[in-house]
């Protein structure tokens, strides 16, 4: 079930499989007949994924680029929505890396970022 892409956009930002919020975003370019657009493939810890426009918070729907704080740790750009505080780790290049492992790496980075921002 986790490899299937269900079109359930979206139960208040929560994963329809496990109920968690997505933490990993993989940058992709979707090609259309005339134009292409940049999207983020969001992945939950359980492995469920779906696409969303590049600068849209999956939790509150915020689409104002000015309302995101960006933090870079290694190859991951963490986008923190200033409206609801949801953090998404976005990766542009993800060749030859298992996506489950990548999700865990981003989760660990979220822990480091939250400790750094809270001063502990």
PDB file of N, CA and C in Angstrom:
ATOM      1  N   UNK A   1       0.819  -1.207   0.000  1.00  0.00           N
ATOM      2  CA  UNK A   1       0.000   0.000   0.000  1.00  0.00           C
ATOM      3  C   UNK A   1       0.850   1.253   0.000  1.00  0.00           C
ATOM      4  N   UNK A   2       2.026   1.219   0.637  1.00  0.00           N
ATOM      5  CA  UNK A   2       2.813   2.427   0.796  1.00  0.00           C
ATOM      6  C   UNK A   2       3.398   2.943  -0.505  1.00  0.00           C
ATOM      7  N   UNK A   3       3.515   2.095  -1.544  1.00  0.00           N
ATOM      8  CA  UNK A   3       4.054   2.540  -2.820  1.00  0.00           C
ATOM      9  C   UNK A   3       2.983   3.062  -3.762  1.00  0.00           C
ATOM     10  N   UNK A   4       1.730   2.962  -3.394  1.00  0.00           N
ATOM     11  CA  UNK A   4       0.652   3.448  -4.243  1.00  0.00           C
ATOM     12  C   UNK A   4       0.447   4.938  -3.983  1.00  0.00           C
ATOM     13  N   UNK A   5       0.143   5.671  -5.033  1.00  0.00           N
ATOM     14  CA  UNK A   5      -0.110   7.099  -4.914  1.00  0.00           C
ATOM     15  C   UNK A   5      -1.621   7.317  -4.911  1.00  0.00           C
ATOM     16  N   UNK A   6      -2.170   7.550  -3.766  1.00  0.00           N
ATOM     17  CA  UNK A   6      -3.594   7.817  -3.652  1.00  0.00           C
ATOM     18  C   UNK A   6      -3.840   9.296  -3.881  1.00  0.00           C
ATOM     19  N   UNK A   7      -4.942   9.636  -4.485  1.00  0.00           N
ATOM     20  CA  UNK A   7      -5.255  11.034  -4.734  1.00  0.00           C
ATOM     21  C   UNK A   7      -6.265  11.507  -3.694  1.00  0.00           C
ATOM     22  N   UNK A   8      -5.776  11.721  -2.491  1.00  0.00           N
ATOM     23  CA  UNK A   8      -6.623  12.150  -1.381  1.00  0.00           C
ATOM     24  C   UNK A   8      -6.152  13.515  -0.899  1.00  0.00           C
ATOM     25  N   UNK A   9      -6.231  14.521  -1.703  1.00  0.00           N
ATOM     26  CA  UNK A   9      -5.650  15.818  -1.389  1.00  0.00           C
ATOM     27  C   UNK A   9      -6.534  16.588  -0.450  1.00  0.00           C
ATOM     28  N   UNK A  10      -6.190  16.832   0.587  1.00  0.00           N
ATOM     29  CA  UNK A  10      -5.406  16.202   1.589  1.00  0.00           C
ATOM     30  C   UNK A  10      -6.076  16.382   2.906  1.00  0.00           C
ATOM     31  N   UNK A  11      -6.041  15.439   3.723  1.00  0.00           N
ATOM     32  CA  UNK A  11      -6.732  15.428   4.996  1.00  0.00           C
ATOM     33  C   UNK A  11      -6.019  16.351   5.990  1.00  0.00           C
ATOM     34  N   UNK A  12      -6.196  17.632   5.839  1.00  0.00           N
ATOM     35  CA  UNK A  12      -5.566  18.646   6.690  1.00  0.00           C
ATOM     36  C   UNK A  12      -4.052  18.474   6.775  1.00  0.00           C
ATOM     37  N   UNK A  13      -3.432  18.030   5.685  1.00  0.00           N
ATOM     38  CA  UNK A  13      -1.985  17.889   5.640  1.00  0.00           C
ATOM     39  C   UNK A  13      -1.455  16.590   6.198  1.00  0.00           C
ATOM     40  N   UNK A  14      -2.287  15.805   6.827  1.00  0.00           N
ATOM     41  CA  UNK A  14      -1.847  14.540   7.431  1.00  0.00           C
ATOM     42  C   UNK A  14      -1.851  13.421   6.395  1.00  0.00           C
ATOM     43  N   UNK A  15      -0.951  12.481   6.604  1.00  0.00           N
ATOM     44  CA  UNK A  15      -0.861  11.313   5.737  1.00  0.00           C
ATOM     45  C   UNK A  15      -2.143  10.474   5.892  1.00  0.00           C
ATOM     46  N   UNK A  16      -2.776  10.082   4.778  1.00  0.00           N
ATOM     47  CA  UNK A  16      -3.995   9.279   4.895  1.00  0.00           C
ATOM     48  C   UNK A  16      -3.712   7.839   5.335  1.00  0.00           C
ATOM     49  N   UNK A  17      -2.448   7.429   5.329  1.00  0.00           N
ATOM     50  CA  UNK A  17      -2.091   6.077   5.728  1.00  0.00           C
ATOM     51  C   UNK A  17      -1.811   6.001   7.232  1.00  0.00           C
ATOM     52  N   UNK A  18      -0.915   6.870   7.732  1.00  0.00           N
ATOM     53  CA  UNK A  18      -0.507   6.760   9.142  1.00  0.00           C
ATOM     54  C   UNK A  18      -0.911   7.952  10.008  1.00  0.00           C
ATOM     55  N   UNK A  19      -1.346   9.057   9.401  1.00  0.00           N
ATOM     56  CA  UNK A  19      -1.797  10.209  10.174  1.00  0.00           C
ATOM     57  C   UNK A  19      -0.719  11.224  10.523  1.00  0.00           C
ATOM     58  N   UNK A  20       0.546  10.984  10.114  1.00  0.00           N
ATOM     59  CA  UNK A  20       1.628  11.932  10.385  1.00  0.00           C
ATOM     60  C   UNK A  20       1.696  12.995   9.293  1.00  0.00           C
ATOM     61  N   UNK A  21       2.442  14.061   9.549  1.00  0.00           N
ATOM     62  CA  UNK A  21       2.696  15.073   8.531  1.00  0.00           C
ATOM     63  C   UNK A  21       3.919  14.669   7.713  1.00  0.00           C
ATOM     64  N   UNK A  22       3.969  15.032   6.425  1.00  0.00           N
ATOM     65  CA  UNK A  22       5.157  14.711   5.634  1.00  0.00           C
ATOM     66  C   UNK A  22       6.351  15.517   6.126  1.00  0.00           C
ATOM     67  N   UNK A  23       7.552  14.902   6.066  1.00  0.00           N
ATOM     68  CA  UNK A  23       8.747  15.596   6.526  1.00  0.00           C
ATOM     69  C   UNK A  23       9.790  15.750   5.431  1.00  0.00           C
ATOM     70  N   UNK A  24       9.661  14.983   4.342  1.00  0.00           N
ATOM     71  CA  UNK A  24      10.642  15.004   3.268  1.00  0.00           C
ATOM     72  C   UNK A  24       9.990  15.462   1.984  1.00  0.00           C
ATOM     73  N   UNK A  25      10.659  16.355   1.277  1.00  0.00           N
ATOM     74  CA  UNK A  25      10.202  16.788  -0.033  1.00  0.00           C
ATOM     75  C   UNK A  25      11.306  16.583  -1.047  1.00  0.00           C
ATOM     76  N   UNK A  26      10.975  15.918  -2.149  1.00  0.00           N
ATOM     77  CA  UNK A  26      11.933  15.710  -3.228  1.00  0.00           C
ATOM     78  C   UNK A  26      11.580  16.652  -4.369  1.00  0.00           C
ATOM     79  N   UNK A  27      12.520  17.528  -4.722  1.00  0.00           N
ATOM     80  CA  UNK A  27      12.283  18.506  -5.773  1.00  0.00           C
ATOM     81  C   UNK A  27      12.201  17.795  -7.116  1.00  0.00           C
ATOM     82  N   UNK A  28      11.163  18.106  -7.887  1.00  0.00           N
ATOM     83  CA  UNK A  28      10.996  17.511  -9.215  1.00  0.00           C
ATOM     84  C   UNK A  28      10.445  18.549 -10.181  1.00  0.00           C
ATOM     85  N   UNK A  29      10.689  18.326 -11.442  1.00  0.00           N
ATOM     86  CA  UNK A  29      10.118  19.166 -12.490  1.00  0.00           C
ATOM     87  C   UNK A  29       9.115  18.322 -13.269  1.00  0.00           C
ATOM     88  N   UNK A  30       7.837  18.746 -13.257  1.00  0.00           N
ATOM     89  CA  UNK A  30       6.798  18.065 -14.015  1.00  0.00           C
ATOM     90  C   UNK A  30       6.659  18.733 -15.363  1.00  0.00           C
ATOM     91  N   UNK A  31       6.767  17.946 -16.394  1.00  0.00           N
ATOM     92  CA  UNK A  31       6.648  18.480 -17.753  1.00  0.00           C
ATOM     93  C   UNK A  31       5.207  18.357 -18.234  1.00  0.00           C
ATOM     94  N   UNK A  32       4.683  19.464 -18.722  1.00  0.00           N
ATOM     95  CA  UNK A  32       3.348  19.465 -19.300  1.00  0.00           C
ATOM     96  C   UNK A  32       3.456  19.507 -20.814  1.00  0.00           C
ATOM     97  N   UNK A  33       2.339  19.646 -21.484  1.00  0.00           N
ATOM     98  CA  UNK A  33       2.347  19.710 -22.942  1.00  0.00           C
ATOM     99  C   UNK A  33       3.030  20.977 -23.435  1.00  0.00           C
ATOM    100  N   UNK A  34       2.822  22.074 -22.732  1.00  0.00           N
ATOM    101  CA  UNK A  34       3.408  23.354 -23.147  1.00  0.00           C
ATOM    102  C   UNK A  34       4.436  23.835 -22.128  1.00  0.00           C
ATOM    103  N   UNK A  35       4.083  23.825 -20.874  1.00  0.00           N
ATOM    104  CA  UNK A  35       4.934  24.344 -19.815  1.00  0.00           C
ATOM    105  C   UNK A  35       5.322  23.238 -18.846  1.00  0.00           C
ATOM    106  N   UNK A  36       6.379  23.490 -18.109  1.00  0.00           N
ATOM    107  CA  UNK A  36       6.722  22.596 -17.009  1.00  0.00           C
ATOM    108  C   UNK A  36       6.603  23.399 -15.718  1.00  0.00           C
ATOM    109  N   UNK A  37       6.495  22.694 -14.616  1.00  0.00           N
ATOM    110  CA  UNK A  37       6.401  23.378 -13.329  1.00  0.00           C
ATOM    111  C   UNK A  37       7.209  22.607 -12.302  1.00  0.00           C
ATOM    112  N   UNK A  38       7.698  23.329 -11.319  1.00  0.00           N
ATOM    113  CA  UNK A  38       8.451  22.717 -10.237  1.00  0.00           C
ATOM    114  C   UNK A  38       7.477  22.273  -9.157  1.00  0.00           C
ATOM    115  N   UNK A  39       7.630  21.037  -8.715  1.00  0.00           N
ATOM    116  CA  UNK A  39       6.782  20.492  -7.659  1.00  0.00           C
ATOM    117  C   UNK A  39       7.669  19.816  -6.622  1.00  0.00           C
ATOM    118  N   UNK A  40       7.080  19.531  -5.508  1.00  0.00           N
ATOM    119  CA  UNK A  40       7.744  18.783  -4.450  1.00  0.00           C
ATOM    120  C   UNK A  40       6.968  17.474  -4.262  1.00  0.00           C
ATOM    121  N   UNK A  41       7.679  16.351  -4.333  1.00  0.00           N
ATOM    122  CA  UNK A  41       7.057  15.077  -3.983  1.00  0.00           C
ATOM    123  C   UNK A  41       7.241  14.902  -2.489  1.00  0.00           C
ATOM    124  N   UNK A  42       6.155  14.988  -1.759  1.00  0.00           N
ATOM    125  CA  UNK A  42       6.195  14.885  -0.299  1.00  0.00           C
ATOM    126  C   UNK A  42       6.181  13.420   0.100  1.00  0.00           C
ATOM    127  N   UNK A  43       6.990  13.085   1.099  1.00  0.00           N
ATOM    128  CA  UNK A  43       7.050  11.713   1.614  1.00  0.00           C
ATOM    129  C   UNK A  43       6.876  11.724   3.120  1.00  0.00           C
ATOM    130  N   UNK A  44       6.070  10.809   3.573  1.00  0.00           N
ATOM    131  CA  UNK A  44       5.833  10.618   4.999  1.00  0.00           C
ATOM    132  C   UNK A  44       6.796   9.555   5.518  1.00  0.00           C
ATOM    133  N   UNK A  45       6.932   9.448   6.820  1.00  0.00           N
ATOM    134  CA  UNK A  45       7.771   8.398   7.411  1.00  0.00           C
ATOM    135  C   UNK A  45       7.320   7.001   7.019  1.00  0.00           C
ATOM    136  N   UNK A  46       6.024   6.813   6.750  1.00  0.00           N
ATOM    137  CA  UNK A  46       5.518   5.486   6.388  1.00  0.00           C
ATOM    138  C   UNK A  46       5.794   5.140   4.927  1.00  0.00           C
ATOM    139  N   UNK A  47       6.253   6.124   4.129  1.00  0.00           N
ATOM    140  CA  UNK A  47       6.572   5.869   2.738  1.00  0.00           C
ATOM    141  C   UNK A  47       5.539   6.385   1.754  1.00  0.00           C
ATOM    142  N   UNK A  48       4.379   6.827   2.219  1.00  0.00           N
ATOM    143  CA  UNK A  48       3.356   7.377   1.327  1.00  0.00           C
ATOM    144  C   UNK A  48       3.867   8.676   0.717  1.00  0.00           C
ATOM    145  N   UNK A  49       3.546   8.925  -0.559  1.00  0.00           N
ATOM    146  CA  UNK A  49       4.002  10.156  -1.199  1.00  0.00           C
ATOM    147  C   UNK A  49       2.920  10.751  -2.095  1.00  0.00           C
ATOM    148  N   UNK A  50       3.006  12.068  -2.290  1.00  0.00           N
ATOM    149  CA  UNK A  50       2.130  12.793  -3.205  1.00  0.00           C
ATOM    150  C   UNK A  50       2.833  14.083  -3.586  1.00  0.00           C
ATOM    151  N   UNK A  51       2.398  14.718  -4.674  1.00  0.00           N
ATOM    152  CA  UNK A  51       3.053  15.949  -5.112  1.00  0.00           C
ATOM    153  C   UNK A  51       2.232  17.174  -4.714  1.00  0.00           C
ATOM    154  N   UNK A  52       2.964  18.278  -4.559  1.00  0.00           N
ATOM    155  CA  UNK A  52       2.381  19.554  -4.186  1.00  0.00           C
ATOM    156  C   UNK A  52       3.213  20.641  -4.856  1.00  0.00           C
ATOM    157  N   UNK A  53       2.613  21.784  -5.139  1.00  0.00           N
ATOM    158  CA  UNK A  53       3.387  22.887  -5.704  1.00  0.00           C
ATOM    159  C   UNK A  53       4.547  23.216  -4.788  1.00  0.00           C
ATOM    160  N   UNK A  54       5.613  23.778  -5.378  1.00  0.00           N
ATOM    161  CA  UNK A  54       6.875  23.919  -4.659  1.00  0.00           C
ATOM    162  C   UNK A  54       6.774  24.691  -3.344  1.00  0.00           C
ATOM    163  N   UNK A  55       6.165  25.850  -3.342  1.00  0.00           N
ATOM    164  CA  UNK A  55       6.087  26.622  -2.102  1.00  0.00           C
ATOM    165  C   UNK A  55       4.667  26.653  -1.560  1.00  0.00           C
ATOM    166  N   UNK A  56       4.195  25.500  -1.114  1.00  0.00           N
ATOM    167  CA  UNK A  56       2.914  25.395  -0.426  1.00  0.00           C
ATOM    168  C   UNK A  56       3.153  24.547   0.816  1.00  0.00           C
ATOM    169  N   UNK A  57       2.747  25.051   1.963  1.00  0.00           N
ATOM    170  CA  UNK A  57       2.877  24.276   3.192  1.00  0.00           C
ATOM    171  C   UNK A  57       1.826  23.160   3.175  1.00  0.00           C
ATOM    172  N   UNK A  58       2.249  21.908   3.362  1.00  0.00           N
ATOM    173  CA  UNK A  58       1.285  20.814   3.330  1.00  0.00           C
ATOM    174  C   UNK A  58       0.337  20.783   4.531  1.00  0.00           C
ATOM    175  N   UNK A  59       0.632  21.561   5.548  1.00  0.00           N
ATOM    176  CA  UNK A  59      -0.197  21.546   6.752  1.00  0.00           C
ATOM    177  C   UNK A  59      -1.252  22.653   6.724  1.00  0.00           C
ATOM    178  N   UNK A  60      -0.816  23.906   6.501  1.00  0.00           N
ATOM    179  CA  UNK A  60      -1.768  25.021   6.574  1.00  0.00           C
ATOM    180  C   UNK A  60      -2.131  25.613   5.216  1.00  0.00           C
ATOM    181  N   UNK A  61      -1.445  25.196   4.148  1.00  0.00           N
ATOM    182  CA  UNK A  61      -1.755  25.708   2.816  1.00  0.00           C
ATOM    183  C   UNK A  61      -1.098  27.028   2.477  1.00  0.00           C
ATOM    184  N   UNK A  62      -0.271  27.566   3.372  1.00  0.00           N
ATOM    185  CA  UNK A  62       0.439  28.814   3.115  1.00  0.00           C
ATOM    186  C   UNK A  62       1.205  28.708   1.797  1.00  0.00           C
ATOM    187  N   UNK A  63       1.054  29.706   0.910  1.00  0.00           N
ATOM    188  CA  UNK A  63       1.779  29.698  -0.365  1.00  0.00           C
ATOM    189  C   UNK A  63       2.585  30.981  -0.586  1.00  0.00           C
ATOM    190  N   UNK A  64       2.758  31.762   0.467  1.00  0.00           N
ATOM    191  CA  UNK A  64       3.547  32.998   0.382  1.00  0.00           C
ATOM    192  C   UNK A  64       5.007  32.673   0.695  1.00  0.00           C
ATOM    193  N   UNK A  65       5.880  32.788  -0.312  1.00  0.00           N
ATOM    194  CA  UNK A  65       7.298  32.443  -0.142  1.00  0.00           C
ATOM    195  C   UNK A  65       7.952  33.221   0.993  1.00  0.00           C
ATOM    196  N   UNK A  66       7.465  34.425   1.253  1.00  0.00           N
ATOM    197  CA  UNK A  66       8.048  35.260   2.305  1.00  0.00           C
ATOM    198  C   UNK A  66       7.770  34.699   3.702  1.00  0.00           C
ATOM    199  N   UNK A  67       6.801  33.793   3.809  1.00  0.00           N
ATOM    200  CA  UNK A  67       6.431  33.246   5.113  1.00  0.00           C
ATOM    201  C   UNK A  67       7.099  31.906   5.398  1.00  0.00           C
ATOM    202  N   UNK A  68       8.224  31.640   4.725  1.00  0.00           N
ATOM    203  CA  UNK A  68       9.022  30.443   4.994  1.00  0.00           C
ATOM    204  C   UNK A  68      10.429  30.869   5.404  1.00  0.00           C
ATOM    205  N   UNK A  69      10.931  30.308   6.489  1.00  0.00           N
ATOM    206  CA  UNK A  69      12.337  30.479   6.853  1.00  0.00           C
ATOM    207  C   UNK A  69      13.088  29.271   6.312  1.00  0.00           C
ATOM    208  N   UNK A  70      14.268  29.512   5.743  1.00  0.00           N
ATOM    209  CA  UNK A  70      15.063  28.442   5.156  1.00  0.00           C
ATOM    210  C   UNK A  70      16.324  28.210   5.964  1.00  0.00           C
ATOM    211  N   UNK A  71      16.635  26.945   6.215  1.00  0.00           N
ATOM    212  CA  UNK A  71      17.853  26.543   6.918  1.00  0.00           C
ATOM    213  C   UNK A  71      18.481  25.411   6.107  1.00  0.00           C
ATOM    214  N   UNK A  72      19.789  25.455   5.930  1.00  0.00           N
ATOM    215  CA  UNK A  72      20.474  24.442   5.137  1.00  0.00           C
ATOM    216  C   UNK A  72      21.397  23.640   6.038  1.00  0.00           C
ATOM    217  N   UNK A  73      21.216  22.318   6.011  1.00  0.00           N
ATOM    218  CA  UNK A  73      22.094  21.386   6.717  1.00  0.00           C
ATOM    219  C   UNK A  73      22.543  20.368   5.681  1.00  0.00           C
ATOM    220  N   UNK A  74      23.811  20.421   5.308  1.00  0.00           N
ATOM    221  CA  UNK A  74      24.318  19.515   4.273  1.00  0.00           C
ATOM    222  C   UNK A  74      23.622  19.766   2.954  1.00  0.00           C
ATOM    223  N   UNK A  75      23.028  18.739   2.380  1.00  0.00           N
ATOM    224  CA  UNK A  75      22.326  18.839   1.097  1.00  0.00           C
ATOM    225  C   UNK A  75      20.830  19.082   1.256  1.00  0.00           C
ATOM    226  N   UNK A  76      20.387  19.262   2.490  1.00  0.00           N
ATOM    227  CA  UNK A  76      18.949  19.402   2.758  1.00  0.00           C
ATOM    228  C   UNK A  76      18.632  20.853   3.099  1.00  0.00           C
ATOM    229  N   UNK A  77      17.622  21.397   2.434  1.00  0.00           N
ATOM    230  CA  UNK A  77      17.100  22.715   2.768  1.00  0.00           C
ATOM    231  C   UNK A  77      15.825  22.509   3.578  1.00  0.00           C
ATOM    232  N   UNK A  78      15.827  22.986   4.814  1.00  0.00           N
ATOM    233  CA  UNK A  78      14.654  22.860   5.677  1.00  0.00           C
ATOM    234  C   UNK A  78      13.827  24.128   5.548  1.00  0.00           C
ATOM    235  N   UNK A  79      12.558  23.955   5.179  1.00  0.00           N
ATOM    236  CA  UNK A  79      11.628  25.077   5.038  1.00  0.00           C
ATOM    237  C   UNK A  79      10.691  25.067   6.226  1.00  0.00           C
ATOM    238  N   UNK A  80      10.744  26.136   7.008  1.00  0.00           N
ATOM    239  CA  UNK A  80       9.880  26.263   8.184  1.00  0.00           C
ATOM    240  C   UNK A  80       8.793  27.275   7.855  1.00  0.00           C
ATOM    241  N   UNK A  81       7.563  26.831   7.878  1.00  0.00           N
ATOM    242  CA  UNK A  81       6.424  27.719   7.640  1.00  0.00           C
ATOM    243  C   UNK A  81       6.245  28.582   8.884  1.00  0.00           C
ATOM    244  N   UNK A  82       6.299  29.896   8.724  1.00  0.00           N
ATOM    245  CA  UNK A  82       6.166  30.775   9.890  1.00  0.00           C
ATOM    246  C   UNK A  82       4.722  30.873  10.365  1.00  0.00           C
ATOM    247  N   UNK A  83       3.786  30.440   9.547  1.00  0.00           N
ATOM    248  CA  UNK A  83       2.381  30.474   9.947  1.00  0.00           C
ATOM    249  C   UNK A  83       2.046  29.338  10.911  1.00  0.00           C
ATOM    250  N   UNK A  84       2.440  28.100  10.581  1.00  0.00           N
ATOM    251  CA  UNK A  84       2.056  26.953  11.431  1.00  0.00           C
ATOM    252  C   UNK A  84       3.259  26.221  12.044  1.00  0.00           C
ATOM    253  N   UNK A  85       4.490  26.644  11.680  1.00  0.00           N
ATOM    254  CA  UNK A  85       5.743  26.078  12.212  1.00  0.00           C
ATOM    255  C   UNK A  85       6.083  24.682  11.689  1.00  0.00           C
ATOM    256  N   UNK A  86       5.343  24.185  10.681  1.00  0.00           N
ATOM    257  CA  UNK A  86       5.700  22.884  10.102  1.00  0.00           C
ATOM    258  C   UNK A  86       7.018  23.008   9.345  1.00  0.00           C
ATOM    259  N   UNK A  87       7.881  22.006   9.506  1.00  0.00           N
ATOM    260  CA  UNK A  87       9.184  21.997   8.848  1.00  0.00           C
ATOM    261  C   UNK A  87       9.244  20.847   7.862  1.00  0.00           C
ATOM    262  N   UNK A  88       9.719  21.175   6.654  1.00  0.00           N
ATOM    263  CA  UNK A  88       9.851  20.192   5.589  1.00  0.00           C
ATOM    264  C   UNK A  88      11.285  20.217   5.087  1.00  0.00           C
ATOM    265  N   UNK A  89      11.937  19.073   5.051  1.00  0.00           N
ATOM    266  CA  UNK A  89      13.284  18.967   4.503  1.00  0.00           C
ATOM    267  C   UNK A  89      13.197  18.689   3.017  1.00  0.00           C
ATOM    268  N   UNK A  90      13.778  19.571   2.192  1.00  0.00           N
ATOM    269  CA  UNK A  90      13.686  19.444   0.738  1.00  0.00           C
ATOM    270  C   UNK A  90      15.054  19.111   0.163  1.00  0.00           C
ATOM    271  N   UNK A  91      15.070  18.123  -0.709  1.00  0.00           N
ATOM    272  CA  UNK A  91      16.313  17.681  -1.346  1.00  0.00           C
ATOM    273  C   UNK A  91      16.162  17.795  -2.851  1.00  0.00           C
ATOM    274  N   UNK A  92      17.156  18.404  -3.495  1.00  0.00           N
ATOM    275  CA  UNK A  92      17.122  18.549  -4.953  1.00  0.00           C
ATOM    276  C   UNK A  92      17.749  17.357  -5.661  1.00  0.00           C
ATOM    277  N   UNK A  93      18.863  16.879  -5.176  1.00  0.00           N
ATOM    278  CA  UNK A  93      19.559  15.755  -5.805  1.00  0.00           C
ATOM    279  C   UNK A  93      19.459  14.540  -4.903  1.00  0.00           C
ATOM    280  N   UNK A  94      18.915  13.446  -5.401  1.00  0.00           N
ATOM    281  CA  UNK A  94      18.747  12.270  -4.552  1.00  0.00           C
ATOM    282  C   UNK A  94      19.052  10.990  -5.323  1.00  0.00           C
ATOM    283  N   UNK A  95      20.130  10.989  -6.068  1.00  0.00           N
ATOM    284  CA  UNK A  95      20.518   9.807  -6.845  1.00  0.00           C
ATOM    285  C   UNK A  95      21.050   8.699  -5.950  1.00  0.00           C
ATOM    286  N   UNK A  96      20.719   7.475  -6.282  1.00  0.00           N
ATOM    287  CA  UNK A  96      21.295   6.280  -5.663  1.00  0.00           C
ATOM    288  C   UNK A  96      21.173   6.228  -4.143  1.00  0.00           C
ATOM    289  N   UNK A  97      20.145   6.835  -3.589  1.00  0.00           N
ATOM    290  CA  UNK A  97      19.922   6.771  -2.147  1.00  0.00           C
ATOM    291  C   UNK A  97      18.536   6.186  -1.917  1.00  0.00           C
ATOM    292  N   UNK A  98      18.439   5.207  -1.039  1.00  0.00           N
ATOM    293  CA  UNK A  98      17.166   4.614  -0.690  1.00  0.00           C
ATOM    294  C   UNK A  98      16.270   5.682  -0.068  1.00  0.00           C
ATOM    295  N   UNK A  99      15.043   5.807  -0.553  1.00  0.00           N
ATOM    296  CA  UNK A  99      14.154   6.864  -0.072  1.00  0.00           C
ATOM    297  C   UNK A  99      13.766   6.696   1.392  1.00  0.00           C
ATOM    298  N   UNK A 100      13.688   5.452   1.881  1.00  0.00           N
ATOM    299  CA  UNK A 100      13.402   5.256   3.311  1.00  0.00           C
ATOM    300  C   UNK A 100      14.560   5.778   4.159  1.00  0.00           C
ATOM    301  N   UNK A 101      15.789   5.519   3.719  1.00  0.00           N
ATOM    302  CA  UNK A 101      16.967   6.022   4.430  1.00  0.00           C
ATOM    303  C   UNK A 101      17.014   7.545   4.364  1.00  0.00           C
ATOM    304  N   UNK A 102      16.701   8.101   3.217  1.00  0.00           N
ATOM    305  CA  UNK A 102      16.685   9.553   3.057  1.00  0.00           C
ATOM    306  C   UNK A 102      15.675  10.194   3.998  1.00  0.00           C
ATOM    307  N   UNK A 103      14.528   9.557   4.168  1.00  0.00           N
ATOM    308  CA  UNK A 103      13.512  10.073   5.089  1.00  0.00           C
ATOM    309  C   UNK A 103      14.043  10.085   6.523  1.00  0.00           C
ATOM    310  N   UNK A 104      14.758   9.041   6.906  1.00  0.00           N
ATOM    311  CA  UNK A 104      15.339   8.997   8.253  1.00  0.00           C
ATOM    312  C   UNK A 104      16.427  10.048   8.435  1.00  0.00           C
ATOM    313  N   UNK A 105      17.230  10.289   7.393  1.00  0.00           N
ATOM    314  CA  UNK A 105      18.267  11.320   7.462  1.00  0.00           C
ATOM    315  C   UNK A 105      17.627  12.688   7.677  1.00  0.00           C
ATOM    316  N   UNK A 106      16.563  12.970   6.945  1.00  0.00           N
ATOM    317  CA  UNK A 106      15.858  14.249   7.097  1.00  0.00           C
ATOM    318  C   UNK A 106      15.236  14.347   8.494  1.00  0.00           C
ATOM    319  N   UNK A 107      14.694  13.249   9.000  1.00  0.00           N
ATOM    320  CA  UNK A 107      14.121  13.254  10.355  1.00  0.00           C
ATOM    321  C   UNK A 107      15.189  13.596  11.391  1.00  0.00           C
ATOM    322  N   UNK A 108      16.380  13.025  11.240  1.00  0.00           N
ATOM    323  CA  UNK A 108      17.478  13.336  12.152  1.00  0.00           C
ATOM    324  C   UNK A 108      17.859  14.819  12.043  1.00  0.00           C
ATOM    325  N   UNK A 109      17.893  15.345  10.820  1.00  0.00           N
ATOM    326  CA  UNK A 109      18.176  16.764  10.622  1.00  0.00           C
ATOM    327  C   UNK A 109      17.130  17.651  11.279  1.00  0.00           C
ATOM    328  N   UNK A 110      15.874  17.213  11.265  1.00  0.00           N
ATOM    329  CA  UNK A 110      14.812  17.971  11.944  1.00  0.00           C
ATOM    330  C   UNK A 110      15.074  18.067  13.439  1.00  0.00           C
ATOM    331  N   UNK A 111      15.580  16.977  14.013  1.00  0.00           N
ATOM    332  CA  UNK A 111      15.916  16.978  15.441  1.00  0.00           C
ATOM    333  C   UNK A 111      17.043  17.969  15.705  1.00  0.00           C
ATOM    334  N   UNK A 112      18.087  17.929  14.873  1.00  0.00           N
ATOM    335  CA  UNK A 112      19.212  18.861  15.039  1.00  0.00           C
ATOM    336  C   UNK A 112      18.761  20.305  14.880  1.00  0.00           C
ATOM    337  N   UNK A 113      17.925  20.566  13.887  1.00  0.00           N
ATOM    338  CA  UNK A 113      17.449  21.922  13.649  1.00  0.00           C
ATOM    339  C   UNK A 113      16.605  22.420  14.815  1.00  0.00           C
ATOM    340  N   UNK A 114      15.716  21.572  15.326  1.00  0.00           N
ATOM    341  CA  UNK A 114      14.860  22.021  16.435  1.00  0.00           C
ATOM    342  C   UNK A 114      15.673  22.298  17.681  1.00  0.00           C
ATOM    343  N   UNK A 115      16.721  21.501  17.926  1.00  0.00           N
ATOM    344  CA  UNK A 115      17.599  21.769  19.070  1.00  0.00           C
ATOM    345  C   UNK A 115      18.349  23.075  18.886  1.00  0.00           C
ATOM    346  N   UNK A 116      18.809  23.315  17.660  1.00  0.00           N
ATOM    347  CA  UNK A 116      19.556  24.545  17.377  1.00  0.00           C
ATOM    348  C   UNK A 116      18.660  25.777  17.535  1.00  0.00           C
ATOM    349  N   UNK A 117      17.438  25.699  17.038  1.00  0.00           N
ATOM    350  CA  UNK A 117      16.532  26.843  17.115  1.00  0.00           C
ATOM    351  C   UNK A 117      16.019  27.097  18.526  1.00  0.00           C
ATOM    352  N   UNK A 118      15.927  26.030  19.325  1.00  0.00           N
ATOM    353  CA  UNK A 118      15.449  26.216  20.697  1.00  0.00           C
ATOM    354  C   UNK A 118      16.567  26.566  21.667  1.00  0.00           C
ATOM    355  N   UNK A 119      17.833  26.454  21.210  1.00  0.00           N
ATOM    356  CA  UNK A 119      18.969  26.818  22.044  1.00  0.00           C
ATOM    357  C   UNK A 119      19.388  25.743  23.029  1.00  0.00           C
ATOM    358  N   UNK A 120      18.943  24.499  22.838  1.00  0.00           N
ATOM    359  CA  UNK A 120      19.332  23.434  23.768  1.00  0.00           C
ATOM    360  C   UNK A 120      20.411  22.564  23.178  1.00  0.00           C
TER     361      UNK A 120
END
